[in-house]
């Protein structure tokens, strides 16, 4: 039997991948650079959101095994990733 946290994290990633593939198909169907750029911009919001949610699920699954100090370090790492990805 699979762990419910692992299953939830995998489901989020499957959902994210499905959104990415559907966005690519939509870009091809619309066939216009301005529309494709708008779709791509929307995906820039989806990626970090999925990252935060899957990390939160993983941390919830490990909460009994990690000290508060380690959880704070992981949270700080996620914040650093987001700053690095989103800041221009």
PDB file of N, CA and C in Angstrom:
ATOM      1  N   UNK A   1       0.841  -1.178   0.000  1.00  0.00           N
ATOM      2  CA  UNK A   1       0.000   0.000   0.000  1.00  0.00           C
ATOM      3  C   UNK A   1       0.886   1.242   0.000  1.00  0.00           C
ATOM      4  N   UNK A   2       0.541   2.205  -0.836  1.00  0.00           N
ATOM      5  CA  UNK A   2       1.331   3.420  -0.944  1.00  0.00           C
ATOM      6  C   UNK A   2       0.997   4.397   0.178  1.00  0.00           C
ATOM      7  N   UNK A   3       1.983   5.147   0.549  1.00  0.00           N
ATOM      8  CA  UNK A   3       1.810   6.196   1.545  1.00  0.00           C
ATOM      9  C   UNK A   3       0.896   7.281   0.969  1.00  0.00           C
ATOM     10  N   UNK A   4      -0.037   7.782   1.773  1.00  0.00           N
ATOM     11  CA  UNK A   4      -0.996   8.783   1.283  1.00  0.00           C
ATOM     12  C   UNK A   4      -0.305  10.088   0.906  1.00  0.00           C
ATOM     13  N   UNK A   5       0.803  10.412   1.570  1.00  0.00           N
ATOM     14  CA  UNK A   5       1.521  11.634   1.235  1.00  0.00           C
ATOM     15  C   UNK A   5       2.225  11.498  -0.114  1.00  0.00           C
ATOM     16  N   UNK A   6       2.835  10.340  -0.341  1.00  0.00           N
ATOM     17  CA  UNK A   6       3.500  10.085  -1.623  1.00  0.00           C
ATOM     18  C   UNK A   6       2.474  10.086  -2.749  1.00  0.00           C
ATOM     19  N   UNK A   7       1.340   9.444  -2.525  1.00  0.00           N
ATOM     20  CA  UNK A   7       0.277   9.409  -3.522  1.00  0.00           C
ATOM     21  C   UNK A   7      -0.215  10.820  -3.847  1.00  0.00           C
ATOM     22  N   UNK A   8      -0.389  11.641  -2.826  1.00  0.00           N
ATOM     23  CA  UNK A   8      -0.841  13.016  -3.037  1.00  0.00           C
ATOM     24  C   UNK A   8       0.188  13.821  -3.814  1.00  0.00           C
ATOM     25  N   UNK A   9       1.456  13.663  -3.462  1.00  0.00           N
ATOM     26  CA  UNK A   9       2.513  14.394  -4.176  1.00  0.00           C
ATOM     27  C   UNK A   9       2.583  13.968  -5.639  1.00  0.00           C
ATOM     28  N   UNK A  10       2.490  12.673  -5.883  1.00  0.00           N
ATOM     29  CA  UNK A  10       2.526  12.165  -7.255  1.00  0.00           C
ATOM     30  C   UNK A  10       1.314  12.651  -8.047  1.00  0.00           C
ATOM     31  N   UNK A  11       0.152  12.674  -7.403  1.00  0.00           N
ATOM     32  CA  UNK A  11      -1.055  13.156  -8.074  1.00  0.00           C
ATOM     33  C   UNK A  11      -0.913  14.624  -8.468  1.00  0.00           C
ATOM     34  N   UNK A  12      -0.306  15.425  -7.596  1.00  0.00           N
ATOM     35  CA  UNK A  12      -0.083  16.837  -7.919  1.00  0.00           C
ATOM     36  C   UNK A  12       0.840  16.964  -9.133  1.00  0.00           C
ATOM     37  N   UNK A  13       1.870  16.139  -9.184  1.00  0.00           N
ATOM     38  CA  UNK A  13       2.814  16.191 -10.313  1.00  0.00           C
ATOM     39  C   UNK A  13       2.163  15.694 -11.606  1.00  0.00           C
ATOM     40  N   UNK A  14       1.324  14.661 -11.515  1.00  0.00           N
ATOM     41  CA  UNK A  14       0.587  14.220 -12.699  1.00  0.00           C
ATOM     42  C   UNK A  14      -0.335  15.327 -13.199  1.00  0.00           C
ATOM     43  N   UNK A  15      -1.009  15.987 -12.268  1.00  0.00           N
ATOM     44  CA  UNK A  15      -1.877  17.103 -12.642  1.00  0.00           C
ATOM     45  C   UNK A  15      -1.100  18.229 -13.290  1.00  0.00           C
ATOM     46  N   UNK A  16       0.049  18.542 -12.725  1.00  0.00           N
ATOM     47  CA  UNK A  16       0.895  19.597 -13.279  1.00  0.00           C
ATOM     48  C   UNK A  16       1.370  19.240 -14.689  1.00  0.00           C
ATOM     49  N   UNK A  17       1.778  17.994 -14.858  1.00  0.00           N
ATOM     50  CA  UNK A  17       2.221  17.547 -16.181  1.00  0.00           C
ATOM     51  C   UNK A  17       1.101  17.593 -17.200  1.00  0.00           C
ATOM     52  N   UNK A  18      -0.094  17.232 -16.773  1.00  0.00           N
ATOM     53  CA  UNK A  18      -1.259  17.283 -17.660  1.00  0.00           C
ATOM     54  C   UNK A  18      -1.551  18.709 -18.084  1.00  0.00           C
ATOM     55  N   UNK A  19      -1.461  19.637 -17.136  1.00  0.00           N
ATOM     56  CA  UNK A  19      -1.668  21.054 -17.456  1.00  0.00           C
ATOM     57  C   UNK A  19      -0.631  21.526 -18.471  1.00  0.00           C
ATOM     58  N   UNK A  20       0.626  21.133 -18.290  1.00  0.00           N
ATOM     59  CA  UNK A  20       1.697  21.522 -19.217  1.00  0.00           C
ATOM     60  C   UNK A  20       1.428  20.989 -20.627  1.00  0.00           C
ATOM     61  N   UNK A  21       1.034  19.721 -20.721  1.00  0.00           N
ATOM     62  CA  UNK A  21       0.771  19.121 -22.035  1.00  0.00           C
ATOM     63  C   UNK A  21      -0.434  19.785 -22.692  1.00  0.00           C
ATOM     64  N   UNK A  22      -1.490  20.015 -21.922  1.00  0.00           N
ATOM     65  CA  UNK A  22      -2.667  20.682 -22.486  1.00  0.00           C
ATOM     66  C   UNK A  22      -2.336  22.094 -22.945  1.00  0.00           C
ATOM     67  N   UNK A  23      -1.484  22.779 -22.201  1.00  0.00           N
ATOM     68  CA  UNK A  23      -1.073  24.126 -22.599  1.00  0.00           C
ATOM     69  C   UNK A  23      -0.301  24.085 -23.921  1.00  0.00           C
ATOM     70  N   UNK A  24       0.576  23.099 -24.084  1.00  0.00           N
ATOM     71  CA  UNK A  24       1.328  22.971 -25.333  1.00  0.00           C
ATOM     72  C   UNK A  24       0.392  22.697 -26.513  1.00  0.00           C
ATOM     73  N   UNK A  25      -0.580  21.832 -26.303  1.00  0.00           N
ATOM     74  CA  UNK A  25      -1.557  21.535 -27.362  1.00  0.00           C
ATOM     75  C   UNK A  25      -2.350  22.789 -27.707  1.00  0.00           C
ATOM     76  N   UNK A  26      -2.753  23.537 -26.685  1.00  0.00           N
ATOM     77  CA  UNK A  26      -3.506  24.768 -26.917  1.00  0.00           C
ATOM     78  C   UNK A  26      -2.670  25.796 -27.683  1.00  0.00           C
ATOM     79  N   UNK A  27      -1.390  25.894 -27.343  1.00  0.00           N
ATOM     80  CA  UNK A  27      -0.501  26.808 -28.074  1.00  0.00           C
ATOM     81  C   UNK A  27      -0.456  26.440 -29.555  1.00  0.00           C
ATOM     82  N   UNK A  28      -0.310  25.145 -29.826  1.00  0.00           N
ATOM     83  CA  UNK A  28      -0.261  24.695 -31.217  1.00  0.00           C
ATOM     84  C   UNK A  28      -1.589  24.949 -31.933  1.00  0.00           C
ATOM     85  N   UNK A  29      -2.683  24.710 -31.229  1.00  0.00           N
ATOM     86  CA  UNK A  29      -4.000  24.906 -31.841  1.00  0.00           C
ATOM     87  C   UNK A  29      -4.260  26.376 -32.174  1.00  0.00           C
ATOM     88  N   UNK A  30      -3.880  27.274 -31.246  1.00  0.00           N
ATOM     89  CA  UNK A  30      -4.102  28.697 -31.482  1.00  0.00           C
ATOM     90  C   UNK A  30      -3.156  29.249 -32.541  1.00  0.00           C
ATOM     91  N   UNK A  31      -1.912  28.759 -32.557  1.00  0.00           N
ATOM     92  CA  UNK A  31      -0.976  29.098 -33.621  1.00  0.00           C
ATOM     93  C   UNK A  31      -0.538  30.551 -33.689  1.00  0.00           C
ATOM     94  N   UNK A  32      -0.674  31.281 -32.595  1.00  0.00           N
ATOM     95  CA  UNK A  32      -0.264  32.698 -32.580  1.00  0.00           C
ATOM     96  C   UNK A  32       0.701  32.924 -31.429  1.00  0.00           C
ATOM     97  N   UNK A  33       1.752  33.690 -31.713  1.00  0.00           N
ATOM     98  CA  UNK A  33       2.785  33.933 -30.714  1.00  0.00           C
ATOM     99  C   UNK A  33       2.218  34.655 -29.500  1.00  0.00           C
ATOM    100  N   UNK A  34       1.361  35.647 -29.697  1.00  0.00           N
ATOM    101  CA  UNK A  34       0.822  36.401 -28.562  1.00  0.00           C
ATOM    102  C   UNK A  34      -0.020  35.515 -27.642  1.00  0.00           C
ATOM    103  N   UNK A  35      -0.796  34.633 -28.232  1.00  0.00           N
ATOM    104  CA  UNK A  35      -1.606  33.713 -27.423  1.00  0.00           C
ATOM    105  C   UNK A  35      -0.719  32.689 -26.706  1.00  0.00           C
ATOM    106  N   UNK A  36       0.293  32.177 -27.414  1.00  0.00           N
ATOM    107  CA  UNK A  36       1.211  31.212 -26.809  1.00  0.00           C
ATOM    108  C   UNK A  36       1.975  31.842 -25.648  1.00  0.00           C
ATOM    109  N   UNK A  37       2.346  33.106 -25.808  1.00  0.00           N
ATOM    110  CA  UNK A  37       3.052  33.804 -24.740  1.00  0.00           C
ATOM    111  C   UNK A  37       2.148  33.991 -23.519  1.00  0.00           C
ATOM    112  N   UNK A  38       0.884  34.284 -23.750  1.00  0.00           N
ATOM    113  CA  UNK A  38      -0.067  34.416 -22.641  1.00  0.00           C
ATOM    114  C   UNK A  38      -0.235  33.091 -21.901  1.00  0.00           C
ATOM    115  N   UNK A  39      -0.325  32.013 -22.641  1.00  0.00           N
ATOM    116  CA  UNK A  39      -0.447  30.683 -22.022  1.00  0.00           C
ATOM    117  C   UNK A  39       0.820  30.361 -21.238  1.00  0.00           C
ATOM    118  N   UNK A  40       1.961  30.660 -21.821  1.00  0.00           N
ATOM    119  CA  UNK A  40       3.229  30.403 -21.146  1.00  0.00           C
ATOM    120  C   UNK A  40       3.341  31.216 -19.857  1.00  0.00           C
ATOM    121  N   UNK A  41       2.865  32.431 -19.880  1.00  0.00           N
ATOM    122  CA  UNK A  41       2.885  33.268 -18.683  1.00  0.00           C
ATOM    123  C   UNK A  41       2.013  32.678 -17.582  1.00  0.00           C
ATOM    124  N   UNK A  42       0.873  32.132 -17.959  1.00  0.00           N
ATOM    125  CA  UNK A  42       0.005  31.486 -16.970  1.00  0.00           C
ATOM    126  C   UNK A  42       0.693  30.271 -16.353  1.00  0.00           C
ATOM    127  N   UNK A  43       1.479  29.554 -17.159  1.00  0.00           N
ATOM    128  CA  UNK A  43       2.203  28.388 -16.646  1.00  0.00           C
ATOM    129  C   UNK A  43       3.285  28.788 -15.650  1.00  0.00           C
ATOM    130  N   UNK A  44       3.792  29.999 -15.765  1.00  0.00           N
ATOM    131  CA  UNK A  44       4.803  30.474 -14.822  1.00  0.00           C
ATOM    132  C   UNK A  44       4.234  30.564 -13.406  1.00  0.00           C
ATOM    133  N   UNK A  45       2.934  30.685 -13.288  1.00  0.00           N
ATOM    134  CA  UNK A  45       2.267  30.696 -11.990  1.00  0.00           C
ATOM    135  C   UNK A  45       2.020  29.269 -11.487  1.00  0.00           C
ATOM    136  N   UNK A  46       1.737  28.372 -12.402  1.00  0.00           N
ATOM    137  CA  UNK A  46       1.406  26.994 -12.030  1.00  0.00           C
ATOM    138  C   UNK A  46       2.608  26.265 -11.416  1.00  0.00           C
ATOM    139  N   UNK A  47       3.769  26.390 -12.029  1.00  0.00           N
ATOM    140  CA  UNK A  47       4.958  25.663 -11.576  1.00  0.00           C
ATOM    141  C   UNK A  47       5.316  25.917 -10.117  1.00  0.00           C
ATOM    142  N   UNK A  48       5.507  27.192  -9.723  1.00  0.00           N
ATOM    143  CA  UNK A  48       5.832  27.457  -8.322  1.00  0.00           C
ATOM    144  C   UNK A  48       4.718  27.057  -7.355  1.00  0.00           C
ATOM    145  N   UNK A  49       3.489  27.171  -7.786  1.00  0.00           N
ATOM    146  CA  UNK A  49       2.367  26.773  -6.932  1.00  0.00           C
ATOM    147  C   UNK A  49       2.427  25.277  -6.649  1.00  0.00           C
ATOM    148  N   UNK A  50       2.678  24.480  -7.686  1.00  0.00           N
ATOM    149  CA  UNK A  50       2.796  23.028  -7.514  1.00  0.00           C
ATOM    150  C   UNK A  50       3.986  22.708  -6.620  1.00  0.00           C
ATOM    151  N   UNK A  51       5.096  23.425  -6.810  1.00  0.00           N
ATOM    152  CA  UNK A  51       6.279  23.219  -5.969  1.00  0.00           C
ATOM    153  C   UNK A  51       5.947  23.437  -4.498  1.00  0.00           C
ATOM    154  N   UNK A  52       5.271  24.521  -4.197  1.00  0.00           N
ATOM    155  CA  UNK A  52       4.926  24.840  -2.807  1.00  0.00           C
ATOM    156  C   UNK A  52       3.977  23.787  -2.229  1.00  0.00           C
ATOM    157  N   UNK A  53       2.971  23.405  -2.999  1.00  0.00           N
ATOM    158  CA  UNK A  53       1.984  22.448  -2.500  1.00  0.00           C
ATOM    159  C   UNK A  53       2.615  21.073  -2.267  1.00  0.00           C
ATOM    160  N   UNK A  54       3.403  20.594  -3.241  1.00  0.00           N
ATOM    161  CA  UNK A  54       4.008  19.266  -3.061  1.00  0.00           C
ATOM    162  C   UNK A  54       5.023  19.271  -1.922  1.00  0.00           C
ATOM    163  N   UNK A  55       5.752  20.369  -1.763  1.00  0.00           N
ATOM    164  CA  UNK A  55       6.685  20.467  -0.643  1.00  0.00           C
ATOM    165  C   UNK A  55       5.943  20.470   0.684  1.00  0.00           C
ATOM    166  N   UNK A  56       4.836  21.198   0.740  1.00  0.00           N
ATOM    167  CA  UNK A  56       4.033  21.232   1.969  1.00  0.00           C
ATOM    168  C   UNK A  56       3.485  19.846   2.306  1.00  0.00           C
ATOM    169  N   UNK A  57       3.025  19.121   1.293  1.00  0.00           N
ATOM    170  CA  UNK A  57       2.526  17.767   1.527  1.00  0.00           C
ATOM    171  C   UNK A  57       3.650  16.871   2.039  1.00  0.00           C
ATOM    172  N   UNK A  58       4.818  16.962   1.414  1.00  0.00           N
ATOM    173  CA  UNK A  58       5.960  16.171   1.843  1.00  0.00           C
ATOM    174  C   UNK A  58       6.385  16.498   3.270  1.00  0.00           C
ATOM    175  N   UNK A  59       6.403  17.776   3.596  1.00  0.00           N
ATOM    176  CA  UNK A  59       6.756  18.179   4.961  1.00  0.00           C
ATOM    177  C   UNK A  59       5.726  17.689   5.970  1.00  0.00           C
ATOM    178  N   UNK A  60       4.460  17.731   5.587  1.00  0.00           N
ATOM    179  CA  UNK A  60       3.419  17.223   6.483  1.00  0.00           C
ATOM    180  C   UNK A  60       3.621  15.727   6.734  1.00  0.00           C
ATOM    181  N   UNK A  61       4.051  15.014   5.701  1.00  0.00           N
ATOM    182  CA  UNK A  61       4.298  13.585   5.848  1.00  0.00           C
ATOM    183  C   UNK A  61       5.520  13.265   6.685  1.00  0.00           C
ATOM    184  N   UNK A  62       6.463  14.208   6.740  1.00  0.00           N
ATOM    185  CA  UNK A  62       7.689  13.982   7.501  1.00  0.00           C
ATOM    186  C   UNK A  62       7.724  14.758   8.812  1.00  0.00           C
ATOM    187  N   UNK A  63       6.670  15.443   9.138  1.00  0.00           N
ATOM    188  CA  UNK A  63       6.661  16.337  10.301  1.00  0.00           C
ATOM    189  C   UNK A  63       7.039  15.619  11.592  1.00  0.00           C
ATOM    190  N   UNK A  64       6.629  14.382  11.723  1.00  0.00           N
ATOM    191  CA  UNK A  64       6.958  13.648  12.952  1.00  0.00           C
ATOM    192  C   UNK A  64       8.413  13.183  12.987  1.00  0.00           C
ATOM    193  N   UNK A  65       9.103  13.234  11.838  1.00  0.00           N
ATOM    194  CA  UNK A  65      10.490  12.783  11.762  1.00  0.00           C
ATOM    195  C   UNK A  65      11.499  13.927  11.751  1.00  0.00           C
ATOM    196  N   UNK A  66      11.031  15.157  11.538  1.00  0.00           N
ATOM    197  CA  UNK A  66      11.930  16.303  11.437  1.00  0.00           C
ATOM    198  C   UNK A  66      11.768  17.236  12.626  1.00  0.00           C
ATOM    199  N   UNK A  67      12.869  17.846  13.003  1.00  0.00           N
ATOM    200  CA  UNK A  67      12.789  18.870  14.053  1.00  0.00           C
ATOM    201  C   UNK A  67      12.277  20.164  13.424  1.00  0.00           C
ATOM    202  N   UNK A  68      11.824  21.074  14.268  1.00  0.00           N
ATOM    203  CA  UNK A  68      11.347  22.369  13.770  1.00  0.00           C
ATOM    204  C   UNK A  68      12.455  23.106  13.032  1.00  0.00           C
ATOM    205  N   UNK A  69      13.681  22.970  13.514  1.00  0.00           N
ATOM    206  CA  UNK A  69      14.815  23.627  12.861  1.00  0.00           C
ATOM    207  C   UNK A  69      15.001  23.157  11.428  1.00  0.00           C
ATOM    208  N   UNK A  70      14.884  21.851  11.206  1.00  0.00           N
ATOM    209  CA  UNK A  70      15.030  21.303   9.858  1.00  0.00           C
ATOM    210  C   UNK A  70      13.867  21.718   8.960  1.00  0.00           C
ATOM    211  N   UNK A  71      12.666  21.759   9.504  1.00  0.00           N
ATOM    212  CA  UNK A  71      11.513  22.199   8.716  1.00  0.00           C
ATOM    213  C   UNK A  71      11.696  23.649   8.288  1.00  0.00           C
ATOM    214  N   UNK A  72      12.211  24.483   9.179  1.00  0.00           N
ATOM    215  CA  UNK A  72      12.460  25.891   8.842  1.00  0.00           C
ATOM    216  C   UNK A  72      13.521  25.988   7.742  1.00  0.00           C
ATOM    217  N   UNK A  73      14.571  25.167   7.814  1.00  0.00           N
ATOM    218  CA  UNK A  73      15.595  25.180   6.774  1.00  0.00           C
ATOM    219  C   UNK A  73      15.022  24.774   5.416  1.00  0.00           C
ATOM    220  N   UNK A  74      14.163  23.771   5.403  1.00  0.00           N
ATOM    221  CA  UNK A  74      13.530  23.353   4.145  1.00  0.00           C
ATOM    222  C   UNK A  74      12.659  24.483   3.605  1.00  0.00           C
ATOM    223  N   UNK A  75      11.878  25.102   4.483  1.00  0.00           N
ATOM    224  CA  UNK A  75      11.051  26.240   4.062  1.00  0.00           C
ATOM    225  C   UNK A  75      11.892  27.378   3.511  1.00  0.00           C
ATOM    226  N   UNK A  76      13.016  27.661   4.166  1.00  0.00           N
ATOM    227  CA  UNK A  76      13.918  28.701   3.692  1.00  0.00           C
ATOM    228  C   UNK A  76      14.481  28.341   2.317  1.00  0.00           C
ATOM    229  N   UNK A  77      14.789  27.072   2.108  1.00  0.00           N
ATOM    230  CA  UNK A  77      15.281  26.620   0.805  1.00  0.00           C
ATOM    231  C   UNK A  77      14.257  26.810  -0.298  1.00  0.00           C
ATOM    232  N   UNK A  78      13.005  26.519   0.001  1.00  0.00           N
ATOM    233  CA  UNK A  78      11.934  26.710  -0.984  1.00  0.00           C
ATOM    234  C   UNK A  78      11.792  28.194  -1.311  1.00  0.00           C
ATOM    235  N   UNK A  79      11.861  29.042  -0.294  1.00  0.00           N
ATOM    236  CA  UNK A  79      11.779  30.488  -0.523  1.00  0.00           C
ATOM    237  C   UNK A  79      12.936  30.951  -1.419  1.00  0.00           C
ATOM    238  N   UNK A  80      14.138  30.455  -1.155  1.00  0.00           N
ATOM    239  CA  UNK A  80      15.285  30.807  -1.997  1.00  0.00           C
ATOM    240  C   UNK A  80      15.081  30.361  -3.449  1.00  0.00           C
ATOM    241  N   UNK A  81      14.557  29.154  -3.636  1.00  0.00           N
ATOM    242  CA  UNK A  81      14.258  28.681  -4.980  1.00  0.00           C
ATOM    243  C   UNK A  81      13.272  29.596  -5.697  1.00  0.00           C
ATOM    244  N   UNK A  82      12.209  29.959  -5.002  1.00  0.00           N
ATOM    245  CA  UNK A  82      11.201  30.813  -5.613  1.00  0.00           C
ATOM    246  C   UNK A  82      11.768  32.183  -5.958  1.00  0.00           C
ATOM    247  N   UNK A  83      12.577  32.747  -5.077  1.00  0.00           N
ATOM    248  CA  UNK A  83      13.209  34.036  -5.363  1.00  0.00           C
ATOM    249  C   UNK A  83      14.102  33.904  -6.605  1.00  0.00           C
ATOM    250  N   UNK A  84      14.869  32.839  -6.671  1.00  0.00           N
ATOM    251  CA  UNK A  84      15.749  32.626  -7.806  1.00  0.00           C
ATOM    252  C   UNK A  84      15.002  32.413  -9.110  1.00  0.00           C
ATOM    253  N   UNK A  85      13.860  31.767  -9.037  1.00  0.00           N
ATOM    254  CA  UNK A  85      13.082  31.471 -10.241  1.00  0.00           C
ATOM    255  C   UNK A  85      12.272  32.686 -10.694  1.00  0.00           C
ATOM    256  N   UNK A  86      11.637  33.360  -9.753  1.00  0.00           N
ATOM    257  CA  UNK A  86      10.678  34.401 -10.100  1.00  0.00           C
ATOM    258  C   UNK A  86      11.259  35.807 -10.191  1.00  0.00           C
ATOM    259  N   UNK A  87      12.355  36.074  -9.513  1.00  0.00           N
ATOM    260  CA  UNK A  87      12.909  37.423  -9.514  1.00  0.00           C
ATOM    261  C   UNK A  87      13.668  37.680 -10.792  1.00  0.00           C
ATOM    262  N   UNK A  88      13.382  38.832 -11.386  1.00  0.00           N
ATOM    263  CA  UNK A  88      14.052  39.175 -12.645  1.00  0.00           C
ATOM    264  C   UNK A  88      14.909  40.395 -12.481  1.00  0.00           C
TER     265      UNK A  88
END
